[in-house]
Amino acid sequence: MLLDHNVHGNVLRAVRRAGIDCLTLDEDDRRQAPDNEVFLRSIELDRVILASDVDFHVIASEAMRNGIEFPGVIHFRQHAITVGQIEYNIRLIADCDVGQELRNRLRRLPI
């Protein structure tokens, strides 16, 4: 999983507690990268994006319309869901994601 720069540290810790291999943009030396570059980086790394930035709705929708393959985007509204709910939902997705269920899709949290 690739975490967008808008994802707070408490969410990062929750995702890692859920046992998900995740990479932050800071860790990838891309802290200031614009969203379209983050999206392309997720394709390059084959990592699902976790973001609270609504721009990823537009980017993912455009990719789907244009037939561009991407690992997937999980989106949540930062103030509309608790960290515990995010962790629970990420665990559900990880447990149920048999094969490539998220590929080329946008998933909104909570489920």
N, C-alpha and C. Protein backbone atom coordinates (compact mmCIF):
# COMPACT_ATOMS: atom_id res chain seq x y z
N MET A 1 0.84 -1.17 0.00
CA MET A 1 0.00 0.00 0.00
C MET A 1 0.90 1.24 0.00
N LEU A 2 0.46 2.28 -0.71
CA LEU A 2 1.16 3.55 -0.76
C LEU A 2 0.26 4.59 -0.12
N LEU A 3 0.74 5.23 0.93
CA LEU A 3 -0.06 6.21 1.66
C LEU A 3 0.21 7.61 1.15
N ASP A 4 -0.86 8.29 0.76
CA ASP A 4 -0.77 9.66 0.30
C ASP A 4 -0.29 10.55 1.44
N HIS A 5 0.29 11.68 1.10
CA HIS A 5 0.86 12.57 2.12
C HIS A 5 -0.19 13.18 3.05
N ASN A 6 -1.47 13.15 2.69
CA ASN A 6 -2.52 13.69 3.55
C ASN A 6 -2.98 12.71 4.63
N VAL A 7 -2.51 11.49 4.58
CA VAL A 7 -2.89 10.48 5.56
C VAL A 7 -2.08 10.72 6.83
N HIS A 8 -2.79 10.90 7.94
CA HIS A 8 -2.14 11.20 9.22
C HIS A 8 -1.34 10.02 9.76
N GLY A 9 -0.38 10.32 10.60
CA GLY A 9 0.49 9.30 11.19
C GLY A 9 -0.25 8.26 12.00
N ASN A 10 -1.36 8.65 12.67
CA ASN A 10 -2.12 7.66 13.44
C ASN A 10 -2.78 6.63 12.52
N VAL A 11 -3.13 7.05 11.31
CA VAL A 11 -3.69 6.10 10.33
C VAL A 11 -2.58 5.18 9.84
N LEU A 12 -1.41 5.73 9.58
CA LEU A 12 -0.25 4.91 9.19
C LEU A 12 0.00 3.82 10.23
N ARG A 13 0.03 4.20 11.50
CA ARG A 13 0.27 3.21 12.56
C ARG A 13 -0.83 2.16 12.60
N ALA A 14 -2.07 2.56 12.39
CA ALA A 14 -3.20 1.62 12.38
C ALA A 14 -3.09 0.63 11.22
N VAL A 15 -2.70 1.13 10.06
CA VAL A 15 -2.56 0.26 8.88
C VAL A 15 -1.42 -0.74 9.12
N ARG A 16 -0.35 -0.28 9.68
CA ARG A 16 0.76 -1.20 9.98
C ARG A 16 0.38 -2.19 11.06
N ARG A 17 -0.41 -1.76 12.05
CA ARG A 17 -0.91 -2.68 13.08
C ARG A 17 -1.77 -3.77 12.45
N ALA A 18 -2.46 -3.41 11.38
CA ALA A 18 -3.30 -4.38 10.67
C ALA A 18 -2.47 -5.37 9.85
N GLY A 19 -1.14 -5.18 9.86
CA GLY A 19 -0.26 -6.11 9.17
C GLY A 19 -0.08 -5.83 7.69
N ILE A 20 -0.42 -4.61 7.27
CA ILE A 20 -0.32 -4.25 5.86
C ILE A 20 1.05 -3.65 5.58
N ASP A 21 1.69 -4.13 4.54
CA ASP A 21 2.96 -3.56 4.09
C ASP A 21 2.64 -2.22 3.43
N CYS A 22 3.08 -1.14 4.04
CA CYS A 22 2.78 0.16 3.47
C CYS A 22 4.02 1.04 3.40
N LEU A 23 3.96 1.95 2.46
CA LEU A 23 5.05 2.87 2.19
C LEU A 23 4.47 4.28 2.17
N THR A 24 5.08 5.20 2.90
CA THR A 24 4.64 6.59 2.85
C THR A 24 5.41 7.32 1.76
N LEU A 25 4.87 8.45 1.35
CA LEU A 25 5.57 9.25 0.35
C LEU A 25 6.87 9.81 0.93
N ASP A 26 6.90 10.09 2.23
CA ASP A 26 8.16 10.51 2.87
C ASP A 26 9.22 9.43 2.72
N GLU A 27 8.84 8.19 3.00
CA GLU A 27 9.78 7.07 2.91
C GLU A 27 10.25 6.83 1.48
N ASP A 28 9.41 7.23 0.52
CA ASP A 28 9.73 7.07 -0.90
C ASP A 28 10.37 8.33 -1.49
N ASP A 29 10.73 9.27 -0.63
CA ASP A 29 11.33 10.54 -1.05
C ASP A 29 10.48 11.29 -2.08
N ARG A 30 9.16 11.27 -1.86
CA ARG A 30 8.23 11.94 -2.77
C ARG A 30 7.20 12.78 -2.02
N ARG A 31 7.62 13.36 -0.93
CA ARG A 31 6.71 14.11 -0.06
C ARG A 31 5.94 15.20 -0.79
N GLN A 32 6.56 15.88 -1.71
CA GLN A 32 5.93 17.01 -2.41
C GLN A 32 5.34 16.61 -3.76
N ALA A 33 5.30 15.34 -4.06
CA ALA A 33 4.81 14.90 -5.38
C ALA A 33 3.33 15.23 -5.55
N PRO A 34 2.95 15.75 -6.71
CA PRO A 34 1.54 16.00 -6.97
C PRO A 34 0.78 14.66 -7.11
N ASP A 35 -0.52 14.72 -6.95
CA ASP A 35 -1.34 13.51 -6.92
C ASP A 35 -1.19 12.65 -8.18
N ASN A 36 -1.11 13.28 -9.35
CA ASN A 36 -0.97 12.46 -10.56
C ASN A 36 0.34 11.68 -10.57
N GLU A 37 1.41 12.26 -10.01
CA GLU A 37 2.68 11.54 -9.90
C GLU A 37 2.59 10.42 -8.87
N VAL A 38 1.86 10.66 -7.78
CA VAL A 38 1.65 9.61 -6.77
C VAL A 38 0.90 8.44 -7.40
N PHE A 39 -0.11 8.76 -8.20
CA PHE A 39 -0.88 7.72 -8.89
C PHE A 39 0.02 6.89 -9.80
N LEU A 40 0.84 7.56 -10.59
CA LEU A 40 1.76 6.85 -11.48
C LEU A 40 2.78 6.03 -10.69
N ARG A 41 3.22 6.55 -9.56
CA ARG A 41 4.16 5.82 -8.70
C ARG A 41 3.50 4.55 -8.16
N SER A 42 2.23 4.64 -7.82
CA SER A 42 1.53 3.44 -7.31
C SER A 42 1.48 2.35 -8.38
N ILE A 43 1.34 2.77 -9.62
CA ILE A 43 1.35 1.80 -10.73
C ILE A 43 2.74 1.18 -10.85
N GLU A 44 3.75 2.03 -10.81
CA GLU A 44 5.13 1.56 -10.92
C GLU A 44 5.47 0.56 -9.81
N LEU A 45 5.02 0.84 -8.58
CA LEU A 45 5.32 -0.02 -7.44
C LEU A 45 4.29 -1.14 -7.25
N ASP A 46 3.21 -1.09 -8.02
CA ASP A 46 2.09 -2.02 -7.89
C ASP A 46 1.55 -2.03 -6.45
N ARG A 47 1.26 -0.82 -5.94
CA ARG A 47 0.73 -0.65 -4.59
C ARG A 47 -0.59 0.12 -4.64
N VAL A 48 -1.57 -0.35 -3.91
CA VAL A 48 -2.84 0.34 -3.76
C VAL A 48 -2.58 1.65 -3.01
N ILE A 49 -3.25 2.72 -3.41
CA ILE A 49 -3.13 4.01 -2.74
C ILE A 49 -4.18 4.10 -1.63
N LEU A 50 -3.77 4.57 -0.47
CA LEU A 50 -4.69 4.94 0.61
C LEU A 50 -4.64 6.45 0.72
N ALA A 51 -5.78 7.10 0.52
CA ALA A 51 -5.79 8.56 0.47
C ALA A 51 -7.06 9.13 1.08
N SER A 52 -6.93 10.35 1.59
CA SER A 52 -8.10 11.10 2.04
C SER A 52 -8.33 12.29 1.11
N ASP A 53 -7.54 12.40 0.09
CA ASP A 53 -7.59 13.49 -0.88
C ASP A 53 -8.59 13.15 -1.99
N VAL A 54 -9.61 13.99 -2.17
CA VAL A 54 -10.65 13.71 -3.16
C VAL A 54 -10.14 13.74 -4.60
N ASP A 55 -8.97 14.33 -4.84
CA ASP A 55 -8.43 14.35 -6.19
C ASP A 55 -8.22 12.94 -6.74
N PHE A 56 -8.01 11.98 -5.86
CA PHE A 56 -7.82 10.61 -6.33
C PHE A 56 -9.10 10.00 -6.92
N HIS A 57 -10.27 10.53 -6.53
CA HIS A 57 -11.53 10.12 -7.17
C HIS A 57 -11.45 10.45 -8.66
N VAL A 58 -11.07 11.68 -8.94
CA VAL A 58 -10.99 12.16 -10.32
C VAL A 58 -9.94 11.37 -11.10
N ILE A 59 -8.77 11.21 -10.52
CA ILE A 59 -7.67 10.52 -11.20
C ILE A 59 -8.03 9.06 -11.48
N ALA A 60 -8.58 8.36 -10.47
CA ALA A 60 -8.96 6.95 -10.65
C ALA A 60 -10.10 6.81 -11.66
N SER A 61 -11.08 7.70 -11.59
CA SER A 61 -12.21 7.65 -12.55
C SER A 61 -11.72 7.86 -13.97
N GLU A 62 -10.82 8.80 -14.13
CA GLU A 62 -10.26 9.07 -15.45
C GLU A 62 -9.47 7.86 -15.97
N ALA A 63 -8.70 7.24 -15.09
CA ALA A 63 -7.93 6.05 -15.49
C ALA A 63 -8.88 4.93 -15.92
N MET A 64 -9.96 4.74 -15.15
CA MET A 64 -10.93 3.69 -15.52
C MET A 64 -11.57 3.97 -16.87
N ARG A 65 -11.96 5.23 -17.11
CA ARG A 65 -12.56 5.60 -18.39
C ARG A 65 -11.60 5.37 -19.55
N ASN A 66 -10.31 5.60 -19.31
CA ASN A 66 -9.31 5.49 -20.37
C ASN A 66 -8.65 4.11 -20.45
N GLY A 67 -9.13 3.17 -19.64
CA GLY A 67 -8.60 1.81 -19.70
C GLY A 67 -7.18 1.69 -19.16
N ILE A 68 -6.78 2.59 -18.28
CA ILE A 68 -5.45 2.54 -17.69
C ILE A 68 -5.48 1.61 -16.47
N GLU A 69 -4.64 0.62 -16.48
CA GLU A 69 -4.56 -0.33 -15.37
C GLU A 69 -3.88 0.31 -14.16
N PHE A 70 -4.45 0.11 -12.97
CA PHE A 70 -3.83 0.62 -11.74
C PHE A 70 -4.17 -0.32 -10.59
N PRO A 71 -3.34 -0.33 -9.54
CA PRO A 71 -3.51 -1.27 -8.45
C PRO A 71 -4.77 -1.06 -7.61
N GLY A 72 -5.31 0.15 -7.60
CA GLY A 72 -6.51 0.45 -6.84
C GLY A 72 -6.31 1.65 -5.94
N VAL A 73 -7.42 2.24 -5.53
CA VAL A 73 -7.41 3.39 -4.62
C VAL A 73 -8.43 3.12 -3.53
N ILE A 74 -8.00 3.31 -2.28
CA ILE A 74 -8.90 3.28 -1.13
C ILE A 74 -8.97 4.70 -0.61
N HIS A 75 -10.19 5.21 -0.53
CA HIS A 75 -10.37 6.61 -0.13
C HIS A 75 -11.23 6.69 1.13
N PHE A 76 -10.89 7.61 2.00
CA PHE A 76 -11.71 7.89 3.18
C PHE A 76 -11.71 9.38 3.44
N ARG A 77 -12.76 9.85 4.08
CA ARG A 77 -12.82 11.25 4.49
C ARG A 77 -12.26 11.33 5.90
N GLN A 78 -11.18 12.08 6.05
CA GLN A 78 -10.39 12.12 7.28
C GLN A 78 -11.23 12.34 8.54
N HIS A 79 -12.23 13.19 8.48
CA HIS A 79 -12.99 13.52 9.69
C HIS A 79 -14.33 12.80 9.76
N ALA A 80 -14.58 11.89 8.84
CA ALA A 80 -15.86 11.17 8.81
C ALA A 80 -15.72 9.73 9.28
N ILE A 81 -14.53 9.32 9.65
CA ILE A 81 -14.27 7.94 10.04
C ILE A 81 -13.17 7.94 11.10
N THR A 82 -13.29 7.07 12.08
CA THR A 82 -12.27 7.01 13.13
C THR A 82 -11.09 6.16 12.66
N VAL A 83 -9.98 6.32 13.35
CA VAL A 83 -8.80 5.52 13.04
C VAL A 83 -9.11 4.04 13.25
N GLY A 84 -9.86 3.72 14.30
CA GLY A 84 -10.25 2.33 14.54
C GLY A 84 -11.09 1.76 13.41
N GLN A 85 -11.99 2.57 12.86
CA GLN A 85 -12.81 2.12 11.72
C GLN A 85 -11.94 1.91 10.48
N ILE A 86 -10.98 2.79 10.29
CA ILE A 86 -10.07 2.62 9.15
C ILE A 86 -9.31 1.31 9.29
N GLU A 87 -8.75 1.07 10.48
CA GLU A 87 -8.00 -0.17 10.70
C GLU A 87 -8.89 -1.39 10.46
N TYR A 88 -10.10 -1.36 10.99
CA TYR A 88 -11.04 -2.48 10.82
C TYR A 88 -11.35 -2.70 9.34
N ASN A 89 -11.64 -1.62 8.62
CA ASN A 89 -11.97 -1.72 7.20
C ASN A 89 -10.79 -2.21 6.37
N ILE A 90 -9.58 -1.74 6.69
CA ILE A 90 -8.39 -2.20 5.97
C ILE A 90 -8.17 -3.69 6.21
N ARG A 91 -8.39 -4.13 7.45
CA ARG A 91 -8.29 -5.58 7.74
C ARG A 91 -9.30 -6.37 6.92
N LEU A 92 -10.54 -5.87 6.85
CA LEU A 92 -11.57 -6.55 6.05
C LEU A 92 -11.15 -6.65 4.59
N ILE A 93 -10.68 -5.55 4.06
CA ILE A 93 -10.26 -5.54 2.65
C ILE A 93 -9.11 -6.51 2.44
N ALA A 94 -8.13 -6.49 3.34
CA ALA A 94 -6.98 -7.39 3.20
C ALA A 94 -7.40 -8.85 3.30
N ASP A 95 -8.33 -9.16 4.21
CA ASP A 95 -8.80 -10.54 4.38
C ASP A 95 -9.63 -11.01 3.20
N CYS A 96 -10.37 -10.10 2.59
CA CYS A 96 -11.28 -10.48 1.50
C CYS A 96 -10.69 -10.29 0.11
N ASP A 97 -9.57 -9.61 0.02
CA ASP A 97 -9.00 -9.31 -1.28
C ASP A 97 -8.27 -10.51 -1.85
N VAL A 98 -9.05 -11.44 -2.35
CA VAL A 98 -8.51 -12.63 -2.98
C VAL A 98 -8.15 -12.25 -4.42
N GLY A 99 -6.91 -12.43 -4.76
CA GLY A 99 -6.47 -12.07 -6.11
C GLY A 99 -6.35 -10.58 -6.25
N GLN A 100 -7.02 -10.04 -7.23
CA GLN A 100 -6.85 -8.62 -7.57
C GLN A 100 -8.17 -7.85 -7.47
N GLU A 101 -8.91 -8.03 -6.39
CA GLU A 101 -10.22 -7.40 -6.23
C GLU A 101 -10.18 -5.87 -6.30
N LEU A 102 -9.12 -5.26 -5.85
CA LEU A 102 -9.04 -3.80 -5.86
C LEU A 102 -8.50 -3.23 -7.17
N ARG A 103 -7.91 -4.09 -7.98
CA ARG A 103 -7.29 -3.62 -9.21
C ARG A 103 -8.30 -2.86 -10.07
N ASN A 104 -7.87 -1.65 -10.49
CA ASN A 104 -8.69 -0.79 -11.35
C ASN A 104 -9.98 -0.32 -10.70
N ARG A 105 -9.98 -0.24 -9.38
CA ARG A 105 -11.18 0.16 -8.65
C ARG A 105 -10.88 1.23 -7.61
N LEU A 106 -11.92 1.94 -7.28
CA LEU A 106 -11.90 2.93 -6.20
C LEU A 106 -12.82 2.42 -5.11
N ARG A 107 -12.28 2.23 -3.92
CA ARG A 107 -13.06 1.74 -2.77
C ARG A 107 -13.14 2.85 -1.74
N ARG A 108 -14.34 3.16 -1.29
CA ARG A 108 -14.52 4.20 -0.27
C ARG A 108 -14.72 3.56 1.09
N LEU A 109 -14.13 4.18 2.11
CA LEU A 109 -14.32 3.72 3.48
C LEU A 109 -15.27 4.69 4.20
N PRO A 110 -16.11 4.22 5.12
CA PRO A 110 -16.20 2.82 5.54
C PRO A 110 -16.94 1.97 4.51
N ILE A 111 -16.69 0.67 4.59
CA ILE A 111 -17.33 -0.29 3.69
C ILE A 111 -18.78 -0.42 4.09
